[in-house]
């Protein structure tokens, strides 16, 4: 541990990279995939034996498991929350026919604008299909997610100013709660046109289902641990982190970090999350933090950019690029620090779309230069991630009691 500071827990979430999903992607790939650093953490121990040539098992890996999700529904918000102690037993539904007419009518009255579309669609699909009418009439594009219980609103910044966009999203979420429309989030998809193409801007606005209990984030913070969200983590979890790092400007990428875009149009978000994690780890070394730092990082590209579009090679290249950057992150850790790599759900490739799936999820854990001496749950679920972090910071008993996880403990 660095002198005067407590340990660092680095929790890295590869969105939609479940074990079954990764087996599927590797099986469909036309090329050999290179994941040496994830293999060193034990990824090959939990993949199908067909892929041992590409991702060899490592019997010396400290901890590698395929864990389950205890919560009932495969969703990014729900998966991330389970990692910090929230088990959501509720089931949610999608809206294949759009949202109820009475809700839409009430929404239009509340925001003072009519909406258009109101169907299930992918984000870019909905915007590209309806943008001309939206830009002509000023009517927000209302659509339901194909894979999440999420209401989305596409709006051009030159048609509806960003502050009004945020008010519309807030109003839609409040109304959905009031009228019992069973969703977990409302997302405002802000975009502009550049050279005839749709470009989403950093002004996206999310409203997320409120937490009904404390999480590990608050428990650790009460102990003096510095809690840091990188990427979309804070938006998904809904907890109050001490610091939120969400980079979007290419100028924020340090050339020394060597972050690469794998998408031909450079739409990747992962390079910004990697850079954000580097910044957070640098600060954990420089600043005085006697109780330590909990850094929670979300890397979304295998889901939002390559998963729903069923881009097998794109998803694999995103994972490979993460693997290439992993030593850059772990080099900033000190003896006794903890790194966890996991996923929030899987991604089932169907003929029409990629859908979130309940499936075994990787949990790869290493205590830097120290033996792995942690207690485990008898039920190995995503909540184990928080349990390991809580043990590192000496608040495991409070975590289990506060989050109602006693049934998960070993007898």
Protein backbone atom coordinates (compact mmCIF):
# COMPACT_ATOMS: atom_id res chain seq x y z
CA UNK A 1 0.00 0.00 0.00
CA UNK A 2 1.21 3.53 -0.69
CA UNK A 3 2.51 5.33 2.40
CA UNK A 4 -0.24 6.97 4.43
CA UNK A 5 -3.07 5.83 2.17
CA UNK A 6 -5.47 2.95 2.43
CA UNK A 7 -5.99 0.33 -0.28
CA UNK A 8 -7.59 0.81 -3.69
CA UNK A 9 -10.42 -1.36 -4.97
CA UNK A 10 -10.77 -1.19 -8.77
CA UNK A 11 -14.04 -2.69 -10.05
CA UNK A 12 -14.12 -2.96 -13.87
CA UNK A 13 -17.40 -3.86 -15.61
CA UNK A 14 -17.35 -5.10 -19.21
CA UNK A 15 -20.94 -4.33 -20.15
CA UNK A 16 -22.73 -7.32 -21.74
CA UNK A 17 -19.68 -9.62 -21.75
CA UNK A 18 -21.19 -12.65 -20.02
CA UNK A 19 -19.53 -16.07 -20.16
CA UNK A 20 -22.10 -17.50 -22.58
CA UNK A 21 -21.86 -14.34 -24.68
CA UNK A 22 -18.08 -14.55 -24.89
CA UNK A 23 -18.26 -18.23 -25.82
CA UNK A 24 -20.67 -17.27 -28.60
CA UNK A 25 -18.49 -14.43 -29.87
CA UNK A 26 -15.35 -16.58 -29.89
CA UNK A 27 -17.23 -19.35 -31.67
CA UNK A 28 -18.41 -16.96 -34.37
CA UNK A 29 -15.11 -15.18 -34.87
CA UNK A 30 -13.28 -15.72 -38.14
CA UNK A 31 -9.93 -14.85 -36.59
CA UNK A 32 -7.83 -15.71 -33.58
CA UNK A 33 -8.56 -13.49 -30.60
CA UNK A 34 -5.85 -12.33 -28.19
CA UNK A 35 -6.75 -11.86 -24.50
CA UNK A 36 -3.50 -12.64 -22.63
CA UNK A 37 -4.13 -10.41 -19.62
CA UNK A 38 -7.67 -11.63 -18.99
CA UNK A 39 -6.32 -15.16 -19.42
CA UNK A 40 -3.75 -14.43 -16.71
CA UNK A 41 -6.63 -13.48 -14.39
CA UNK A 42 -8.26 -16.85 -15.12
CA UNK A 43 -10.76 -16.11 -17.90
CA UNK A 44 -9.80 -19.34 -19.66
CA UNK A 45 -10.77 -21.29 -16.54
CA UNK A 46 -14.45 -20.46 -17.06
CA UNK A 47 -14.81 -20.45 -20.87
CA UNK A 48 -15.79 -23.41 -23.00
CA UNK A 49 -12.88 -25.81 -23.49
CA UNK A 50 -13.01 -25.20 -27.27
CA UNK A 51 -11.25 -21.89 -26.75
CA UNK A 52 -8.30 -23.01 -24.63
CA UNK A 53 -5.95 -22.41 -27.54
CA UNK A 54 -6.92 -18.74 -27.65
CA UNK A 55 -7.64 -18.13 -23.96
CA UNK A 56 -5.64 -20.73 -22.02
CA UNK A 57 -6.63 -21.65 -18.46
CA UNK A 58 -4.43 -20.39 -15.64
CA UNK A 59 -4.46 -22.69 -12.61
CA UNK A 60 -2.52 -20.07 -10.65
CA UNK A 61 -5.16 -17.36 -11.05
CA UNK A 62 -6.26 -16.20 -7.61
CA UNK A 63 -10.03 -16.26 -8.17
CA UNK A 64 -11.98 -16.90 -11.37
CA UNK A 65 -15.62 -17.89 -11.29
CA UNK A 66 -18.70 -17.84 -13.47
CA UNK A 67 -21.22 -16.25 -11.10
CA UNK A 68 -24.97 -15.84 -11.42
CA UNK A 69 -27.19 -12.79 -11.08
CA UNK A 70 -29.47 -12.93 -8.05
CA UNK A 71 -31.73 -10.17 -9.37
CA UNK A 72 -34.60 -11.18 -11.61
CA UNK A 73 -34.02 -9.11 -14.75
CA UNK A 74 -31.00 -8.63 -17.06
CA UNK A 75 -30.51 -4.87 -17.17
CA UNK A 76 -27.48 -2.61 -16.82
CA UNK A 77 -28.93 -0.66 -13.90
CA UNK A 78 -29.97 -3.82 -12.07
CA UNK A 79 -26.66 -5.60 -12.67
CA UNK A 80 -24.55 -2.66 -11.51
CA UNK A 81 -26.68 -2.20 -8.43
CA UNK A 82 -26.34 -5.85 -7.47
CA UNK A 83 -22.55 -5.39 -7.43
CA UNK A 84 -22.98 -2.92 -4.56
CA UNK A 85 -25.59 -4.91 -2.64
CA UNK A 86 -29.01 -4.24 -4.18
CA UNK A 87 -30.91 -7.42 -5.07
CA UNK A 88 -33.93 -6.53 -7.21
CA UNK A 89 -36.46 -9.37 -7.30
CA UNK A 90 -38.90 -7.42 -9.45
CA UNK A 91 -39.56 -8.36 -13.04
CA UNK A 92 -39.91 -5.74 -15.73
CA UNK A 93 -41.40 -5.84 -19.17
CA UNK A 94 -40.61 -4.36 -22.53
CA UNK A 95 -43.02 -2.24 -24.58
CA UNK A 96 -43.13 -3.81 -28.06
CA UNK A 97 -46.20 -1.74 -29.01
CA UNK A 98 -44.93 1.50 -27.53
CA UNK A 99 -46.13 3.18 -24.35
CA UNK A 100 -49.80 3.34 -23.32
CA UNK A 101 -51.88 6.00 -25.03
CA UNK A 102 -53.04 7.57 -21.79
CA UNK A 103 -49.43 7.99 -20.69
CA UNK A 104 -48.42 9.58 -24.00
CA UNK A 105 -51.35 11.98 -23.87
CA UNK A 106 -50.49 13.00 -20.31
CA UNK A 107 -46.81 13.42 -21.24
CA UNK A 108 -47.64 15.74 -24.12
CA UNK A 109 -49.72 17.92 -21.83
CA UNK A 110 -46.98 18.01 -19.22
CA UNK A 111 -44.13 18.99 -21.55
CA UNK A 112 -46.17 21.26 -23.82
CA UNK A 113 -45.12 19.42 -26.99
CA UNK A 114 -46.56 16.57 -28.97
CA UNK A 115 -44.31 13.54 -29.43
CA UNK A 116 -43.89 11.23 -32.40
CA UNK A 117 -43.13 7.58 -33.23
CA UNK A 118 -43.83 5.77 -29.87
CA UNK A 119 -42.60 2.37 -30.96
CA UNK A 120 -39.95 -0.12 -29.92
CA UNK A 121 -36.68 0.54 -31.72
CA UNK A 122 -32.93 0.75 -31.40
CA UNK A 123 -31.64 4.21 -30.53
CA UNK A 124 -29.97 5.17 -33.79
CA UNK A 125 -32.71 3.45 -35.77
CA UNK A 126 -35.42 5.54 -34.08
CA UNK A 127 -33.54 8.82 -34.52
CA UNK A 128 -32.49 8.25 -38.13
CA UNK A 129 -35.99 7.15 -39.15
CA UNK A 130 -37.71 10.12 -37.50
CA UNK A 131 -35.19 12.94 -37.33
CA UNK A 132 -36.53 14.89 -40.33
CA UNK A 133 -40.05 15.06 -38.90
CA UNK A 134 -38.64 15.88 -35.45
CA UNK A 135 -36.49 18.68 -36.87
CA UNK A 136 -39.42 20.04 -38.88
CA UNK A 137 -42.02 19.91 -36.10
CA UNK A 138 -40.07 20.05 -32.83
CA UNK A 139 -41.79 16.90 -31.59
CA UNK A 140 -39.47 14.69 -29.48
CA UNK A 141 -38.92 11.15 -30.78
CA UNK A 142 -40.41 8.82 -28.17
CA UNK A 143 -39.38 5.16 -28.32
CA UNK A 144 -39.09 2.06 -26.19
CA UNK A 145 -35.84 0.13 -25.83
CA UNK A 146 -35.69 -3.27 -27.50
CA UNK A 147 -33.87 -4.86 -24.58
CA UNK A 148 -34.32 -2.74 -21.45
CA UNK A 149 -37.39 -1.47 -19.59
CA UNK A 150 -36.37 2.03 -20.66
CA UNK A 151 -38.20 5.00 -22.19
CA UNK A 152 -36.06 7.06 -24.55
CA UNK A 153 -36.46 10.48 -26.13
CA UNK A 154 -34.38 11.53 -29.13
CA UNK A 155 -33.93 15.29 -29.57
CA UNK A 156 -31.73 17.49 -31.75
CA UNK A 157 -29.93 20.18 -29.76
CA UNK A 158 -30.57 22.77 -32.47
CA UNK A 159 -34.33 22.07 -32.28
CA UNK A 160 -34.81 21.68 -28.52
CA UNK A 161 -32.21 23.34 -26.30
CA UNK A 162 -30.39 21.08 -23.86
CA UNK A 163 -31.93 22.56 -20.69
CA UNK A 164 -35.41 21.95 -22.08
CA UNK A 165 -34.41 18.43 -23.14
CA UNK A 166 -33.44 17.69 -19.54
CA UNK A 167 -36.73 19.09 -18.25
CA UNK A 168 -38.63 16.87 -20.71
CA UNK A 169 -36.74 13.78 -19.52
CA UNK A 170 -37.34 14.65 -15.87
CA UNK A 171 -41.04 15.17 -16.56
CA UNK A 172 -41.34 11.87 -18.43
CA UNK A 173 -39.71 9.97 -15.58
CA UNK A 174 -41.86 11.61 -12.91
CA UNK A 175 -45.01 10.88 -14.92
CA UNK A 176 -44.01 7.25 -15.53
CA UNK A 177 -43.57 6.78 -11.77
CA UNK A 178 -46.88 8.50 -11.11
CA UNK A 179 -48.77 6.36 -13.65
CA UNK A 180 -47.00 3.07 -12.74
CA UNK A 181 -45.32 2.65 -16.13
CA UNK A 182 -42.89 -0.11 -15.16
CA UNK A 183 -39.50 1.18 -16.36
CA UNK A 184 -36.06 1.50 -14.77
CA UNK A 185 -34.85 4.60 -16.64
CA UNK A 186 -35.73 7.47 -18.95
CA UNK A 187 -32.90 8.49 -21.27
CA UNK A 188 -32.72 11.72 -23.23
CA UNK A 189 -30.69 11.05 -26.40
CA UNK A 190 -29.30 14.40 -27.42
CA UNK A 191 -27.84 14.62 -30.93
CA UNK A 192 -26.66 16.97 -33.66
CA UNK A 193 -26.13 16.54 -37.39
CA UNK A 194 -22.58 16.58 -38.79
CA UNK A 195 -21.91 16.10 -42.48
CA UNK A 196 -25.33 14.54 -42.92
CA UNK A 197 -24.85 11.99 -40.12
CA UNK A 198 -26.38 11.72 -36.64
CA UNK A 199 -23.90 12.25 -33.80
CA UNK A 200 -24.95 11.76 -30.20
CA UNK A 201 -23.55 14.47 -27.95
CA UNK A 202 -22.30 14.33 -24.34
CA UNK A 203 -25.52 16.06 -23.22
CA UNK A 204 -27.41 12.81 -22.75
CA UNK A 205 -29.58 12.93 -19.62
CA UNK A 206 -30.68 9.92 -17.55
CA UNK A 207 -33.28 9.53 -14.84
CA UNK A 208 -32.93 6.24 -12.97
CA UNK A 209 -35.24 4.34 -10.64
CA UNK A 210 -34.48 5.66 -7.15
CA UNK A 211 -32.61 3.40 -4.77
CA UNK A 212 -34.69 2.04 -1.92
CA UNK A 213 -31.76 1.12 0.32
CA UNK A 214 -28.16 2.14 1.02
CA UNK A 215 -25.42 0.56 -1.09
CA UNK A 216 -21.76 -0.23 -0.59
CA UNK A 217 -21.02 3.24 -2.03
CA UNK A 218 -22.59 4.99 0.98
CA UNK A 219 -21.29 2.40 3.46
CA UNK A 220 -17.70 2.79 2.26
CA UNK A 221 -18.00 6.59 2.11
CA UNK A 222 -19.07 6.67 5.77
CA UNK A 223 -15.78 4.91 6.56
CA UNK A 224 -13.89 7.67 4.80
CA UNK A 225 -13.25 5.73 1.60
CA UNK A 226 -13.12 7.95 -1.48
CA UNK A 227 -15.77 6.64 -3.91
CA UNK A 228 -15.24 7.34 -7.61
CA UNK A 229 -17.54 6.62 -10.54
CA UNK A 230 -16.01 6.37 -14.02
CA UNK A 231 -18.12 6.40 -17.19
CA UNK A 232 -21.83 5.69 -16.79
CA UNK A 233 -21.51 4.04 -13.37
CA UNK A 234 -23.13 6.79 -11.30
CA UNK A 235 -26.04 7.09 -13.74
CA UNK A 236 -26.69 3.36 -13.54
CA UNK A 237 -26.24 2.84 -9.81
CA UNK A 238 -27.94 6.05 -8.73
CA UNK A 239 -25.77 6.42 -5.62
CA UNK A 240 -23.91 9.57 -4.60
CA UNK A 241 -20.25 9.04 -5.40
CA UNK A 242 -17.66 11.45 -4.04
CA UNK A 243 -16.38 11.97 -7.57
CA UNK A 244 -17.79 11.33 -11.04
CA UNK A 245 -15.43 11.09 -14.00
CA UNK A 246 -17.15 11.00 -17.39
CA UNK A 247 -14.87 12.08 -20.21
CA UNK A 248 -16.15 12.70 -23.75
CA UNK A 249 -13.68 15.09 -25.39
CA UNK A 250 -10.93 13.42 -27.45
CA UNK A 251 -8.59 16.13 -26.17
CA UNK A 252 -8.93 14.55 -22.71
CA UNK A 253 -7.14 11.39 -23.92
CA UNK A 254 -3.48 11.41 -22.89
CA UNK A 255 -1.34 10.10 -25.78
CA UNK A 256 0.87 8.39 -23.19
CA UNK A 257 -2.09 6.24 -22.19
CA UNK A 258 -2.32 4.88 -25.73
CA UNK A 259 -6.09 4.50 -25.82
CA UNK A 260 -7.31 3.27 -29.20
CA UNK A 261 -10.67 3.56 -30.91
CA UNK A 262 -11.77 0.29 -32.50
CA UNK A 263 -14.86 1.69 -34.25
CA UNK A 264 -14.19 3.07 -37.73
CA UNK A 265 -16.25 6.19 -36.89
CA UNK A 266 -14.53 6.61 -33.50
CA UNK A 267 -17.80 6.34 -31.60
CA UNK A 268 -16.23 4.24 -28.83
CA UNK A 269 -16.82 5.25 -25.22
CA UNK A 270 -14.36 2.75 -23.70
CA UNK A 271 -11.22 4.81 -24.40
CA UNK A 272 -12.68 7.59 -22.28
CA UNK A 273 -13.49 5.17 -19.46
CA UNK A 274 -9.96 3.77 -19.57
CA UNK A 275 -8.53 7.28 -19.42
CA UNK A 276 -10.94 8.12 -16.60
CA UNK A 277 -9.78 5.06 -14.67
CA UNK A 278 -6.14 6.08 -15.18
CA UNK A 279 -6.95 9.57 -13.89
CA UNK A 280 -8.75 8.13 -10.87
CA UNK A 281 -5.87 5.77 -10.05
CA UNK A 282 -3.32 8.58 -10.43
CA UNK A 283 -5.33 10.69 -7.98
CA UNK A 284 -5.54 7.77 -5.54
CA UNK A 285 -1.74 7.72 -5.51
CA UNK A 286 -1.22 11.51 -5.25
CA UNK A 287 -3.94 12.61 -2.83
CA UNK A 288 -4.12 11.85 0.85
CA UNK A 289 -6.71 9.09 1.31
CA UNK A 290 -6.01 7.26 4.56
CA UNK A 291 -9.16 5.10 4.26
CA UNK A 292 -8.51 4.20 0.61
CA UNK A 293 -10.35 4.53 -2.71
CA UNK A 294 -13.17 2.58 -4.37
CA UNK A 295 -13.08 3.14 -8.14
CA UNK A 296 -16.07 1.71 -10.07
CA UNK A 297 -15.62 1.74 -13.86
CA UNK A 298 -18.12 0.87 -16.59
CA UNK A 299 -17.03 0.05 -20.16
CA UNK A 300 -20.10 0.05 -22.39
CA UNK A 301 -19.00 -0.60 -25.97
CA UNK A 302 -19.60 -4.35 -26.12
CA UNK A 303 -23.21 -3.52 -25.25
CA UNK A 304 -24.31 -0.17 -26.65
CA UNK A 305 -22.04 0.03 -29.70
CA UNK A 306 -21.44 -3.56 -30.78
CA UNK A 307 -23.87 -5.75 -28.80
CA UNK A 308 -27.31 -4.64 -29.90
CA UNK A 309 -26.08 -4.42 -33.50
CA UNK A 310 -24.73 -8.01 -33.23
CA UNK A 311 -21.29 -6.92 -34.41
CA UNK A 312 -19.27 -9.96 -33.36
CA UNK A 313 -15.88 -8.65 -34.42
CA UNK A 314 -16.55 -5.18 -33.00
CA UNK A 315 -17.45 -6.63 -29.59
CA UNK A 316 -14.35 -8.84 -29.59
CA UNK A 317 -12.11 -5.95 -30.61
CA UNK A 318 -13.53 -3.88 -27.75
CA UNK A 319 -12.68 -6.68 -25.30
CA UNK A 320 -9.22 -7.09 -26.85
CA UNK A 321 -8.55 -3.38 -26.48
CA UNK A 322 -9.61 -3.54 -22.83
CA UNK A 323 -7.26 -6.51 -22.39
CA UNK A 324 -4.42 -4.51 -23.94
CA UNK A 325 -5.04 -1.63 -21.53
CA UNK A 326 -5.46 -3.78 -18.42
CA UNK A 327 -1.73 -3.77 -17.51
CA UNK A 328 -1.79 0.04 -17.80
CA UNK A 329 -4.39 0.06 -15.03
CA UNK A 330 -2.93 -2.63 -12.79
CA UNK A 331 0.51 -0.97 -12.97
CA UNK A 332 -1.02 1.90 -10.99
CA UNK A 333 -2.06 -0.43 -8.16
CA UNK A 334 0.07 -1.15 -5.10
CA UNK A 335 0.56 -4.33 -3.07
CA UNK A 336 -2.66 -5.12 -1.23
CA UNK A 337 -4.92 -3.36 -3.73
CA UNK A 338 -7.79 -5.28 -5.30
CA UNK A 339 -8.87 -5.54 -8.96
CA UNK A 340 -12.15 -7.17 -10.05
CA UNK A 341 -13.25 -7.69 -13.66
CA UNK A 342 -16.88 -8.70 -14.22
CA UNK A 343 -19.98 -8.03 -16.36
CA UNK A 344 -23.48 -6.76 -15.62
CA UNK A 345 -25.42 -9.14 -17.91
CA UNK A 346 -25.00 -11.06 -21.15
CA UNK A 347 -26.04 -10.35 -24.74
CA UNK A 348 -28.07 -12.87 -26.73
CA UNK A 349 -27.71 -12.44 -30.49
CA UNK A 350 -31.08 -13.10 -32.13
CA UNK A 351 -31.87 -12.69 -35.84
CA UNK A 352 -33.29 -9.18 -35.38
CA UNK A 353 -31.25 -7.68 -32.53
CA UNK A 354 -28.97 -8.25 -29.55
CA UNK A 355 -30.96 -8.68 -26.34
CA UNK A 356 -29.75 -8.59 -22.73
CA UNK A 357 -29.66 -12.06 -21.19
CA UNK A 358 -29.45 -13.77 -17.81
CA UNK A 359 -26.39 -16.01 -17.97
CA UNK A 360 -23.22 -16.88 -16.03
CA UNK A 361 -20.99 -13.83 -15.63
CA UNK A 362 -17.22 -13.69 -15.21
CA UNK A 363 -15.73 -12.62 -11.91
CA UNK A 364 -11.96 -12.40 -12.10
CA UNK A 365 -10.26 -11.14 -8.95
CA UNK A 366 -6.69 -10.49 -7.88
CA UNK A 367 -5.16 -9.05 -4.71
CA UNK A 368 -1.98 -7.38 -5.90
CA UNK A 369 1.16 -9.17 -4.66
CA UNK A 370 -0.73 -10.69 -1.76
CA UNK A 371 -2.58 -13.97 -1.28
CA UNK A 372 -6.32 -14.07 -1.83
CA UNK A 373 -7.69 -14.40 1.71
CA UNK A 374 -11.30 -13.31 1.48
CA UNK A 375 -14.49 -14.91 2.70
CA UNK A 376 -16.93 -15.93 -0.04
CA UNK A 377 -20.70 -16.14 -0.27
CA UNK A 378 -22.26 -19.58 -0.48
CA UNK A 379 -24.29 -18.12 -3.36
CA UNK A 380 -21.77 -16.74 -5.84
CA UNK A 381 -23.61 -13.86 -7.45
CA UNK A 382 -22.73 -10.35 -8.60
CA UNK A 383 -23.21 -9.20 -4.98
CA UNK A 384 -19.93 -11.00 -4.23
CA UNK A 385 -18.06 -8.13 -5.90
CA UNK A 386 -19.28 -5.73 -3.24
CA UNK A 387 -18.60 -8.25 -0.49
CA UNK A 388 -14.95 -8.54 -1.52
CA UNK A 389 -14.58 -4.76 -1.72
CA UNK A 390 -16.29 -4.37 1.66
CA UNK A 391 -13.82 -6.81 3.24
CA UNK A 392 -10.93 -4.80 1.84
CA UNK A 393 -12.27 -1.68 3.59
CA UNK A 394 -13.29 -3.41 6.82
CA UNK A 395 -17.03 -2.90 6.42
CA UNK A 396 -18.20 -6.38 5.33
CA UNK A 397 -20.44 -6.94 8.33
CA UNK A 398 -22.22 -3.63 7.78
CA UNK A 399 -22.51 -4.31 4.04
CA UNK A 400 -24.18 -7.68 4.61
CA UNK A 401 -26.51 -6.40 7.32
CA UNK A 402 -27.49 -3.14 5.63
CA UNK A 403 -28.08 -4.74 2.22
CA UNK A 404 -29.91 -7.80 3.61
CA UNK A 405 -27.39 -10.31 2.25
CA UNK A 406 -27.29 -12.63 5.26
CA UNK A 407 -28.75 -15.53 3.28
CA UNK A 408 -25.76 -15.36 0.94
CA UNK A 409 -23.16 -15.86 3.67
CA UNK A 410 -21.54 -19.20 4.37
CA UNK A 411 -22.80 -20.98 7.50
